[in-house]
C-alpha atoms as a PDB file:
ATOM      1  CA  MET A   1     -15.491  64.593 -21.348  1.00  0.00           C
ATOM      2  CA  ALA A   2     -17.012  67.990 -20.534  1.00  0.00           C
ATOM      3  CA  LYS A   3     -17.777  68.733 -16.903  1.00  0.00           C
ATOM      4  CA  LYS A   4     -21.302  69.504 -15.768  1.00  0.00           C
ATOM      5  CA  CYS A   5     -22.334  71.897 -13.012  1.00  0.00           C
ATOM      6  CA  GLY A   6     -25.616  73.412 -11.894  1.00  0.00           C
ATOM      7  CA  TYR A   7     -28.190  74.248  -9.242  1.00  0.00           C
ATOM      8  CA  ILE A   8     -30.861  71.721  -8.273  1.00  0.00           C
ATOM      9  CA  SER A   9     -33.824  72.851  -6.156  1.00  0.00           C
ATOM     10  CA  LEU A  10     -35.547  70.270  -3.976  1.00  0.00           C
ATOM     11  CA  ILE A  11     -39.160  71.329  -3.442  1.00  0.00           C
ATOM     12  CA  GLY A  12     -42.388  69.796  -2.126  1.00  0.00           C
ATOM     13  CA  VAL A  13     -44.890  70.015   0.718  1.00  0.00           C
ATOM     14  CA  PRO A  14     -43.674  69.564   4.335  1.00  0.00           C
ATOM     15  CA  ASN A  15     -42.462  66.184   5.594  1.00  0.00           C
ATOM     16  CA  VAL A  16     -41.803  64.456   2.263  1.00  0.00           C
ATOM     17  CA  GLY A  17     -38.120  63.940   3.130  1.00  0.00           C
ATOM     18  CA  LYS A  18     -36.323  66.750   1.290  1.00  0.00           C
ATOM     19  CA  SER A  19     -33.812  67.332   4.089  1.00  0.00           C
ATOM     20  CA  THR A  20     -33.152  63.602   4.496  1.00  0.00           C
ATOM     21  CA  LEU A  21     -32.508  63.362   0.743  1.00  0.00           C
ATOM     22  CA  LEU A  22     -30.178  66.389   0.746  1.00  0.00           C
ATOM     23  CA  ASN A  23     -28.135  64.882   3.583  1.00  0.00           C
ATOM     24  CA  ALA A  24     -27.961  61.533   1.747  1.00  0.00           C
ATOM     25  CA  LEU A  25     -26.908  63.109  -1.560  1.00  0.00           C
ATOM     26  CA  VAL A  26     -24.201  65.264   0.007  1.00  0.00           C
ATOM     27  CA  GLY A  27     -23.063  62.505   2.382  1.00  0.00           C
ATOM     28  CA  THR A  28     -23.244  64.533   5.578  1.00  0.00           C
ATOM     29  CA  LYS A  29     -25.865  66.131   7.809  1.00  0.00           C
ATOM     30  CA  LEU A  30     -26.602  69.627   6.532  1.00  0.00           C
ATOM     31  CA  SER A  31     -30.365  69.988   6.925  1.00  0.00           C
ATOM     32  CA  ILE A  32     -32.020  69.299  10.253  1.00  0.00           C
ATOM     33  CA  VAL A  33     -34.470  66.409  10.176  1.00  0.00           C
ATOM     34  CA  THR A  34     -37.409  65.935  12.552  1.00  0.00           C
ATOM     35  CA  PRO A  35     -40.777  64.159  12.258  1.00  0.00           C
ATOM     36  CA  LYS A  36     -42.467  67.566  12.505  1.00  0.00           C
ATOM     37  CA  PRO A  37     -43.450  69.492   9.369  1.00  0.00           C
ATOM     38  CA  GLN A  38     -42.037  72.967   8.623  1.00  0.00           C
ATOM     39  CA  THR A  39     -38.634  72.153  10.128  1.00  0.00           C
ATOM     40  CA  THR A  40     -36.647  73.745   7.299  1.00  0.00           C
ATOM     41  CA  ARG A  41     -37.129  77.511   7.388  1.00  0.00           C
ATOM     42  CA  LYS A  42     -34.192  78.879   5.461  1.00  0.00           C
ATOM     43  CA  ARG A  43     -32.557  77.684   2.292  1.00  0.00           C
ATOM     44  CA  VAL A  44     -29.761  75.211   2.917  1.00  0.00           C
ATOM     45  CA  VAL A  45     -27.148  74.906   0.197  1.00  0.00           C
ATOM     46  CA  GLY A  46     -25.412  71.539  -0.152  1.00  0.00           C
ATOM     47  CA  VAL A  47     -22.729  70.673  -2.687  1.00  0.00           C
ATOM     48  CA  ARG A  48     -22.016  67.229  -4.165  1.00  0.00           C
ATOM     49  CA  THR A  49     -18.910  66.939  -6.325  1.00  0.00           C
ATOM     50  CA  ASP A  50     -18.197  63.865  -8.433  1.00  0.00           C
ATOM     51  CA  GLU A  51     -15.405  63.449 -10.992  1.00  0.00           C
ATOM     52  CA  ASP A  52     -17.545  64.667 -13.872  1.00  0.00           C
ATOM     53  CA  SER A  53     -20.131  66.875 -12.170  1.00  0.00           C
ATOM     54  CA  GLN A  54     -20.930  69.313  -9.379  1.00  0.00           C
ATOM     55  CA  MET A  55     -24.482  69.528  -8.077  1.00  0.00           C
ATOM     56  CA  ILE A  56     -25.434  72.480  -5.895  1.00  0.00           C
ATOM     57  CA  PHE A  57     -28.599  71.577  -4.009  1.00  0.00           C
ATOM     58  CA  LEU A  58     -31.062  74.094  -2.605  1.00  0.00           C
ATOM     59  CA  ASP A  59     -33.162  72.557   0.179  1.00  0.00           C
ATOM     60  CA  THR A  60     -36.315  74.625   0.659  1.00  0.00           C
ATOM     61  CA  PRO A  61     -39.095  74.974   3.255  1.00  0.00           C
ATOM     62  CA  GLY A  62     -42.172  72.839   2.577  1.00  0.00           C
ATOM     63  CA  ILE A  63     -44.853  74.507   0.463  1.00  0.00           C
ATOM     64  CA  ILE A  64     -47.617  75.757   2.790  1.00  0.00           C
ATOM     65  CA  ASP A  65     -50.447  78.301   2.884  1.00  0.00           C
ATOM     66  CA  PRO A  66     -48.856  81.231   4.766  1.00  0.00           C
ATOM     67  CA  LYS A  67     -50.378  82.087   8.160  1.00  0.00           C
ATOM     68  CA  TYR A  68     -47.596  84.382   9.389  1.00  0.00           C
ATOM     69  CA  GLU A  69     -45.176  86.838   7.833  1.00  0.00           C
ATOM     70  CA  LEU A  70     -42.514  84.184   8.533  1.00  0.00           C
ATOM     71  CA  HIS A  71     -44.425  81.739   6.305  1.00  0.00           C
ATOM     72  CA  ARG A  72     -44.660  84.320   3.508  1.00  0.00           C
ATOM     73  CA  VAL A  73     -40.880  84.789   3.642  1.00  0.00           C
ATOM     74  CA  MET A  74     -40.416  81.007   3.629  1.00  0.00           C
ATOM     75  CA  MET A  75     -42.554  80.719   0.484  1.00  0.00           C
ATOM     76  CA  GLN A  76     -40.431  83.421  -1.160  1.00  0.00           C
ATOM     77  CA  TYR A  77     -37.430  81.115  -0.647  1.00  0.00           C
ATOM     78  CA  VAL A  78     -39.282  78.429  -2.614  1.00  0.00           C
ATOM     79  CA  GLU A  79     -39.976  80.888  -5.466  1.00  0.00           C
ATOM     80  CA  PHE A  80     -36.330  82.022  -5.512  1.00  0.00           C
ATOM     81  CA  ALA A  81     -35.191  78.394  -5.546  1.00  0.00           C
ATOM     82  CA  ILE A  82     -37.375  77.661  -8.586  1.00  0.00           C
ATOM     83  CA  ALA A  83     -36.087  80.792 -10.346  1.00  0.00           C
ATOM     84  CA  GLU A  84     -32.397  80.122  -9.547  1.00  0.00           C
ATOM     85  CA  ALA A  85     -32.319  76.407 -10.335  1.00  0.00           C
ATOM     86  CA  ASP A  86     -31.097  74.732 -13.502  1.00  0.00           C
ATOM     87  CA  LEU A  87     -33.410  71.840 -12.716  1.00  0.00           C
ATOM     88  CA  ILE A  88     -36.042  71.072 -10.109  1.00  0.00           C
ATOM     89  CA  GLY A  89     -36.600  67.951  -8.050  1.00  0.00           C
ATOM     90  CA  PHE A  90     -40.254  67.954  -6.955  1.00  0.00           C
ATOM     91  CA  MET A  91     -40.610  65.470  -4.128  1.00  0.00           C
ATOM     92  CA  ILE A  92     -43.661  63.556  -2.926  1.00  0.00           C
ATOM     93  CA  ASP A  93     -44.339  60.933  -0.264  1.00  0.00           C
ATOM     94  CA  VAL A  94     -45.517  58.102  -2.524  1.00  0.00           C
ATOM     95  CA  SER A  95     -47.112  56.250   0.403  1.00  0.00           C
ATOM     96  CA  THR A  96     -49.621  59.035   1.186  1.00  0.00           C
ATOM     97  CA  GLN A  97     -49.657  61.455  -1.756  1.00  0.00           C
ATOM     98  CA  LYS A  98     -51.014  59.284  -4.553  1.00  0.00           C
ATOM     99  CA  ASP A  99     -53.340  61.998  -5.895  1.00  0.00           C
ATOM    100  CA  PRO A 100     -51.578  65.055  -7.406  1.00  0.00           C
ATOM    101  CA  LYS A 101     -54.500  67.302  -6.336  1.00  0.00           C
ATOM    102  CA  ASP A 102     -53.572  66.669  -2.693  1.00  0.00           C
ATOM    103  CA  VAL A 103     -50.060  67.972  -3.269  1.00  0.00           C
ATOM    104  CA  ILE A 104     -49.935  70.332  -6.224  1.00  0.00           C
ATOM    105  CA  LYS A 105     -52.579  72.983  -5.627  1.00  0.00           C
ATOM    106  CA  ASP A 106     -53.725  75.186  -8.534  1.00  0.00           C
ATOM    107  CA  GLU A 107     -51.546  78.127  -7.492  1.00  0.00           C
ATOM    108  CA  VAL A 108     -48.451  75.917  -7.232  1.00  0.00           C
ATOM    109  CA  GLU A 109     -49.242  74.187 -10.532  1.00  0.00           C
ATOM    110  CA  GLU A 110     -49.513  77.584 -12.266  1.00  0.00           C
ATOM    111  CA  LYS A 111     -46.051  78.553 -11.024  1.00  0.00           C
ATOM    112  CA  LEU A 112     -44.571  75.231 -12.097  1.00  0.00           C
ATOM    113  CA  GLN A 113     -46.218  75.434 -15.532  1.00  0.00           C
ATOM    114  CA  LEU A 114     -44.538  78.808 -16.066  1.00  0.00           C
ATOM    115  CA  THR A 115     -41.021  77.518 -15.495  1.00  0.00           C
ATOM    116  CA  THR A 116     -38.966  76.236 -18.413  1.00  0.00           C
ATOM    117  CA  LYS A 117     -36.608  74.316 -16.105  1.00  0.00           C
ATOM    118  CA  PRO A 118     -36.578  70.507 -16.410  1.00  0.00           C
ATOM    119  CA  MET A 119     -38.572  68.980 -13.540  1.00  0.00           C
ATOM    120  CA  ILE A 120     -37.982  65.549 -12.057  1.00  0.00           C
ATOM    121  CA  LEU A 121     -40.655  63.931  -9.875  1.00  0.00           C
ATOM    122  CA  ILE A 122     -38.952  62.199  -6.935  1.00  0.00           C
ATOM    123  CA  LEU A 123     -41.278  59.567  -5.462  1.00  0.00           C
ATOM    124  CA  ASN A 124     -39.888  59.101  -1.955  1.00  0.00           C
ATOM    125  CA  LYS A 125     -40.677  56.507   0.755  1.00  0.00           C
ATOM    126  CA  ILE A 126     -41.139  53.533  -1.602  1.00  0.00           C
ATOM    127  CA  ASP A 127     -40.071  51.377   1.369  1.00  0.00           C
ATOM    128  CA  LEU A 128     -43.470  52.137   2.935  1.00  0.00           C
ATOM    129  CA  LEU A 129     -45.399  50.570   0.021  1.00  0.00           C
ATOM    130  CA  GLU A 130     -46.597  46.973   0.373  1.00  0.00           C
ATOM    131  CA  ASN A 131     -45.335  46.326  -3.148  1.00  0.00           C
ATOM    132  CA  THR A 132     -43.007  48.584  -5.152  1.00  0.00           C
ATOM    133  CA  LYS A 133     -45.204  48.023  -8.243  1.00  0.00           C
ATOM    134  CA  LEU A 134     -47.782  50.253  -6.527  1.00  0.00           C
ATOM    135  CA  VAL A 135     -45.599  53.178  -7.578  1.00  0.00           C
ATOM    136  CA  LEU A 136     -46.677  52.744 -11.237  1.00  0.00           C
ATOM    137  CA  PRO A 137     -50.294  54.015 -10.946  1.00  0.00           C
ATOM    138  CA  VAL A 138     -48.973  57.014  -8.948  1.00  0.00           C
ATOM    139  CA  ILE A 139     -46.532  57.846 -11.767  1.00  0.00           C
ATOM    140  CA  GLU A 140     -49.438  57.577 -14.243  1.00  0.00           C
ATOM    141  CA  GLU A 141     -51.490  60.122 -12.277  1.00  0.00           C
ATOM    142  CA  TYR A 142     -48.651  62.642 -11.989  1.00  0.00           C
ATOM    143  CA  ASN A 143     -47.723  62.146 -15.640  1.00  0.00           C
ATOM    144  CA  LYS A 144     -51.150  63.568 -16.623  1.00  0.00           C
ATOM    145  CA  LEU A 145     -49.984  66.996 -15.367  1.00  0.00           C
ATOM    146  CA  ASN A 146     -47.392  67.209 -18.187  1.00  0.00           C
ATOM    147  CA  LEU A 147     -44.950  68.830 -15.777  1.00  0.00           C
ATOM    148  CA  PHE A 148     -42.246  66.205 -15.327  1.00  0.00           C
ATOM    149  CA  LYS A 149     -39.460  64.998 -17.594  1.00  0.00           C
ATOM    150  CA  GLU A 150     -38.582  61.968 -15.459  1.00  0.00           C
ATOM    151  CA  PHE A 151     -40.004  59.932 -12.567  1.00  0.00           C
ATOM    152  CA  VAL A 152     -37.591  58.445 -10.033  1.00  0.00           C
ATOM    153  CA  PRO A 153     -38.812  56.234  -7.141  1.00  0.00           C
ATOM    154  CA  ILE A 154     -36.484  56.336  -4.111  1.00  0.00           C
ATOM    155  CA  SER A 155     -36.212  55.774  -0.376  1.00  0.00           C
ATOM    156  CA  ALA A 156     -34.058  58.566   1.088  1.00  0.00           C
ATOM    157  CA  THR A 157     -33.804  56.857   4.488  1.00  0.00           C
ATOM    158  CA  LYS A 158     -32.827  53.461   3.013  1.00  0.00           C
ATOM    159  CA  LEU A 159     -30.606  55.094   0.322  1.00  0.00           C
ATOM    160  CA  ALA A 160     -32.519  53.159  -2.350  1.00  0.00           C
ATOM    161  CA  GLY A 161     -32.743  54.562  -5.892  1.00  0.00           C
ATOM    162  CA  LEU A 162     -30.240  57.362  -5.226  1.00  0.00           C
ATOM    163  CA  ASP A 163     -27.771  56.185  -7.892  1.00  0.00           C
ATOM    164  CA  GLU A 164     -30.551  56.361 -10.491  1.00  0.00           C
ATOM    165  CA  LEU A 165     -31.584  59.825  -9.226  1.00  0.00           C
ATOM    166  CA  ILE A 166     -27.995  61.118  -9.482  1.00  0.00           C
ATOM    167  CA  LYS A 167     -27.767  59.685 -13.011  1.00  0.00           C
ATOM    168  CA  VAL A 168     -30.966  61.537 -14.007  1.00  0.00           C
ATOM    169  CA  PHE A 169     -29.775  64.796 -12.398  1.00  0.00           C
ATOM    170  CA  LYS A 170     -26.478  64.557 -14.314  1.00  0.00           C
ATOM    171  CA  GLN A 171     -28.361  64.037 -17.565  1.00  0.00           C
ATOM    172  CA  TYR A 172     -30.093  67.412 -17.206  1.00  0.00           C
ATOM    173  CA  LEU A 173     -27.236  69.433 -15.667  1.00  0.00           C
ATOM    174  CA  PRO A 174     -25.775  72.091 -17.979  1.00  0.00           C
ATOM    175  CA  GLU A 175     -22.150  71.822 -19.037  1.00  0.00           C
ATOM    176  CA  GLY A 176     -19.805  74.100 -17.123  1.00  0.00           C
ATOM    177  CA  GLU A 177     -16.810  74.366 -14.833  1.00  0.00           C
ATOM    178  CA  PHE A 178     -17.240  73.662 -11.119  1.00  0.00           C
ATOM    179  CA  LEU A 179     -18.286  76.693  -9.057  1.00  0.00           C
ATOM    180  CA  TYR A 180     -16.883  75.462  -5.724  1.00  0.00           C
ATOM    181  CA  ASP A 181     -13.773  73.685  -4.452  1.00  0.00           C
ATOM    182  CA  GLU A 182     -14.234  69.932  -4.481  1.00  0.00           C
ATOM    183  CA  GLU A 183     -13.929  69.715  -0.656  1.00  0.00           C
ATOM    184  CA  ILE A 184     -16.814  72.138  -0.011  1.00  0.00           C
ATOM    185  CA  LEU A 185     -20.041  70.476   1.161  1.00  0.00           C
ATOM    186  CA  SER A 186     -22.016  73.640   1.908  1.00  0.00           C
ATOM    187  CA  THR A 187     -21.887  77.406   1.496  1.00  0.00           C
ATOM    188  CA  GLN A 188     -23.481  78.067   4.888  1.00  0.00           C
ATOM    189  CA  ASN A 189     -21.224  79.100   7.776  1.00  0.00           C
ATOM    190  CA  GLU A 190     -20.686  77.212  11.045  1.00  0.00           C
ATOM    191  CA  ARG A 191     -22.886  79.624  13.036  1.00  0.00           C
ATOM    192  CA  PHE A 192     -25.829  78.708  10.803  1.00  0.00           C
ATOM    193  CA  PHE A 193     -25.360  74.964  11.400  1.00  0.00           C
ATOM    194  CA  VAL A 194     -24.896  75.373  15.161  1.00  0.00           C
ATOM    195  CA  ALA A 195     -28.150  77.384  15.404  1.00  0.00           C
ATOM    196  CA  GLU A 196     -29.933  74.770  13.276  1.00  0.00           C
ATOM    197  CA  GLN A 197     -28.706  71.911  15.460  1.00  0.00           C
ATOM    198  CA  ILE A 198     -30.021  73.643  18.594  1.00  0.00           C
ATOM    199  CA  ARG A 199     -33.331  74.252  16.797  1.00  0.00           C
ATOM    200  CA  GLU A 200     -33.532  70.600  15.770  1.00  0.00           C
ATOM    201  CA  LYS A 201     -33.218  69.552  19.419  1.00  0.00           C
ATOM    202  CA  LEU A 202     -35.957  72.047  20.338  1.00  0.00           C
ATOM    203  CA  PHE A 203     -38.230  70.359  17.802  1.00  0.00           C
ATOM    204  CA  THR A 204     -37.512  66.858  19.068  1.00  0.00           C
ATOM    205  CA  MET A 205     -37.506  67.583  22.815  1.00  0.00           C
ATOM    206  CA  TYR A 206     -40.431  70.004  23.130  1.00  0.00           C
ATOM    207  CA  LYS A 207     -43.789  68.760  21.920  1.00  0.00           C
ATOM    208  CA  ASP A 208     -46.896  70.688  20.823  1.00  0.00           C
ATOM    209  CA  GLU A 209     -46.622  74.143  19.267  1.00  0.00           C
ATOM    210  CA  ILE A 210     -43.651  75.654  21.106  1.00  0.00           C
ATOM    211  CA  PRO A 211     -40.943  74.806  18.542  1.00  0.00           C
ATOM    212  CA  TYR A 212     -42.831  76.624  15.770  1.00  0.00           C
ATOM    213  CA  SER A 213     -42.673  79.895  17.664  1.00  0.00           C
ATOM    214  CA  THR A 214     -38.995  79.557  18.564  1.00  0.00           C
ATOM    215  CA  GLU A 215     -35.923  80.896  16.798  1.00  0.00           C
ATOM    216  CA  VAL A 216     -32.258  80.407  17.690  1.00  0.00           C
ATOM    217  CA  GLN A 217     -29.674  83.173  17.438  1.00  0.00           C
ATOM    218  CA  ILE A 218     -25.943  82.657  17.969  1.00  0.00           C
ATOM    219  CA  VAL A 219     -24.755  85.583  20.117  1.00  0.00           C
ATOM    220  CA  GLU A 220     -21.081  84.586  20.525  1.00  0.00           C
ATOM    221  CA  PHE A 221     -18.956  82.058  18.670  1.00  0.00           C
ATOM    222  CA  LYS A 222     -15.347  82.013  19.899  1.00  0.00           C
ATOM    223  CA  GLU A 223     -12.840  79.642  18.341  1.00  0.00           C
ATOM    224  CA  ARG A 224      -9.890  78.971  20.613  1.00  0.00           C
ATOM    225  CA  GLU A 225      -6.391  77.607  19.951  1.00  0.00           C
ATOM    226  CA  LYS A 226      -6.411  75.895  23.355  1.00  0.00           C
ATOM    227  CA  GLY A 227      -9.340  74.717  25.422  1.00  0.00           C
ATOM    228  CA  LYS A 228     -13.006  74.554  24.497  1.00  0.00           C
ATOM    229  CA  TRP A 229     -14.629  76.794  21.908  1.00  0.00           C
ATOM    230  CA  TYR A 230     -17.262  79.084  23.477  1.00  0.00           C
ATOM    231  CA  ILE A 231     -20.748  79.345  21.966  1.00  0.00           C
ATOM    232  CA  SER A 232     -23.555  81.424  23.413  1.00  0.00           C
ATOM    233  CA  ALA A 233     -27.061  81.188  21.914  1.00  0.00           C
ATOM    234  CA  GLU A 234     -30.439  82.780  22.552  1.00  0.00           C
ATOM    235  CA  ILE A 235     -33.659  80.830  22.166  1.00  0.00           C
ATOM    236  CA  ILE A 236     -36.301  83.329  21.090  1.00  0.00           C
ATOM    237  CA  VAL A 237     -39.945  82.729  22.068  1.00  0.00           C
ATOM    238  CA  GLU A 238     -43.091  84.776  21.355  1.00  0.00           C
ATOM    239  CA  LYS A 239     -44.810  84.802  24.754  1.00  0.00           C
ATOM    240  CA  GLU A 240     -43.782  85.152  28.394  1.00  0.00           C
ATOM    241  CA  THR A 241     -45.739  81.960  29.149  1.00  0.00           C
ATOM    242  CA  GLN A 242     -43.452  79.988  26.802  1.00  0.00           C
ATOM    243  CA  LYS A 243     -40.275  80.918  28.661  1.00  0.00           C
ATOM    244  CA  PRO A 244     -40.837  78.665  31.733  1.00  0.00           C
ATOM    245  CA  ILE A 245     -41.772  75.762  29.417  1.00  0.00           C
ATOM    246  CA  ILE A 246     -38.379  76.013  27.663  1.00  0.00           C
ATOM    247  CA  LEU A 247     -36.535  76.434  30.984  1.00  0.00           C
ATOM    248  CA  GLY A 248     -38.320  73.651  32.913  1.00  0.00           C
ATOM    249  CA  ALA A 249     -38.375  73.328  36.711  1.00  0.00           C
ATOM    250  CA  GLY A 250     -35.176  74.841  38.087  1.00  0.00           C
ATOM    251  CA  GLY A 251     -33.806  75.124  34.547  1.00  0.00           C
ATOM    252  CA  SER A 252     -33.822  71.319  34.131  1.00  0.00           C
ATOM    253  CA  ARG A 253     -35.179  71.195  30.566  1.00  0.00           C
ATOM    254  CA  ILE A 254     -32.871  73.825  29.089  1.00  0.00           C
ATOM    255  CA  LYS A 255     -29.947  72.085  30.812  1.00  0.00           C
ATOM    256  CA  LYS A 256     -30.927  68.791  29.146  1.00  0.00           C
ATOM    257  CA  LEU A 257     -31.373  70.607  25.804  1.00  0.00           C
ATOM    258  CA  GLY A 258     -27.883  72.103  26.165  1.00  0.00           C
ATOM    259  CA  GLU A 259     -26.318  68.697  26.886  1.00  0.00           C
ATOM    260  CA  VAL A 260     -27.926  67.003  23.870  1.00  0.00           C
ATOM    261  CA  ALA A 261     -27.208  69.935  21.526  1.00  0.00           C
ATOM    262  CA  ARG A 262     -23.595  70.218  22.732  1.00  0.00           C
ATOM    263  CA  LYS A 263     -22.828  66.591  21.820  1.00  0.00           C
ATOM    264  CA  GLU A 264     -24.273  67.053  18.329  1.00  0.00           C
ATOM    265  CA  ILE A 265     -22.400  70.345  17.779  1.00  0.00           C
ATOM    266  CA  GLU A 266     -19.107  68.813  18.972  1.00  0.00           C
ATOM    267  CA  MET A 267     -19.557  65.985  16.460  1.00  0.00           C
ATOM    268  CA  HIS A 268     -20.230  68.529  13.701  1.00  0.00           C
ATOM    269  CA  LEU A 269     -17.336  70.873  14.563  1.00  0.00           C
ATOM    270  CA  GLY A 270     -14.891  68.167  15.644  1.00  0.00           C
ATOM    271  CA  VAL A 271     -13.841  70.171  18.733  1.00  0.00           C
ATOM    272  CA  PRO A 272     -15.003  70.313  22.383  1.00  0.00           C
ATOM    273  CA  ILE A 273     -17.258  73.288  23.129  1.00  0.00           C
ATOM    274  CA  TYR A 274     -18.778  75.160  26.070  1.00  0.00           C
ATOM    275  CA  LEU A 275     -22.397  75.965  25.190  1.00  0.00           C
ATOM    276  CA  GLU A 276     -24.520  78.537  27.019  1.00  0.00           C
ATOM    277  CA  LEU A 277     -28.238  78.885  26.281  1.00  0.00           C
ATOM    278  CA  PHE A 278     -30.535  81.775  27.231  1.00  0.00           C
ATOM    279  CA  VAL A 279     -34.269  82.311  26.615  1.00  0.00           C
ATOM    280  CA  LYS A 280     -35.502  85.703  25.361  1.00  0.00           C
ATOM    281  CA  VAL A 281     -39.073  86.836  24.675  1.00  0.00           C
ATOM    282  CA  ARG A 282     -39.664  88.775  21.431  1.00  0.00           C
ATOM    283  CA  LYS A 283     -43.410  89.255  21.194  1.00  0.00           C
ATOM    284  CA  ASN A 284     -45.045  88.182  17.942  1.00  0.00           C
ATOM    285  CA  TRP A 285     -41.678  87.928  16.151  1.00  0.00           C
ATOM    286  CA  ARG A 286     -43.105  85.707  13.381  1.00  0.00           C
ATOM    287  CA  ASN A 287     -45.244  88.619  12.156  1.00  0.00           C
ATOM    288  CA  ASN A 288     -42.651  91.371  12.611  1.00  0.00           C
ATOM    289  CA  LYS A 289     -40.839  92.180   9.336  1.00  0.00           C
ATOM    290  CA  ASN A 290     -37.980  94.029  11.054  1.00  0.00           C
ATOM    291  CA  MET A 291     -37.390  91.205  13.510  1.00  0.00           C
ATOM    292  CA  LEU A 292     -37.506  88.603  10.725  1.00  0.00           C
ATOM    293  CA  LYS A 293     -34.880  90.610   8.864  1.00  0.00           C
ATOM    294  CA  TYR A 294     -32.730  90.767  11.999  1.00  0.00           C
ATOM    295  CA  PHE A 295     -33.048  86.970  12.353  1.00  0.00           C
ATOM    296  CA  GLY A 296     -31.790  86.556   8.798  1.00  0.00           C
ATOM    297  CA  TYR A 297     -35.060  85.859   6.963  1.00  0.00           C
END
């Protein structure tokens, strides 16, 4: 039996569960997950290898109307993901996004109509419906767009419907040899994941708007044969007034952030680490093209 291999882009508006689905499909935590929208900023590449197929997933930022240069760059990632993919998984929250007009704006629909890639509508969060039959009228509405080849209801958090989704993905994958070793779960390096884990904790521990104007940069990452690995990271904020909020009274909040992030990073790396966090102000970094480039956008 011929092997199948290809790229699958997961796209949709913020907070529909793309990162949760990616983590479930790959079987490990790659994308950070928080209740806040716009958590995913960069493209995360996850790899799932079965006996007969290899799926390379591109998790993308949620589709938004750009307000900052950062947002414009994020939306470019979505366009690249559509262009690079062999097939596209467009994801909706079936409990709140029953009307396609609320989700697929004209501009987005135009872009999707132009692509020749097979598109699967993934109807997530079916566990939030009073009755799973309520998914049928939603499928009918989205079917009128003539965009989607298949409709797959799932619950990414409850792992329901994932076998069916994988079966559908395999159906549309092109034939080809595997592109990555079977053990590889992601193409991103450890620095990327460490920075993302610190950023996730920023999102969950600091309320209001602060997390959106923060960025995390790994300054030093020292692997050691003996003793703890050393990791030093900078938390970038946009305004001087944000710095004391991140630090907290007598540095109490950043200390707590460091403790929580360290435990998560140690679980991910499988080694004990010494983590140092610093706060730096880079004014208006979200609108500065040079700074965005320096931060890897």
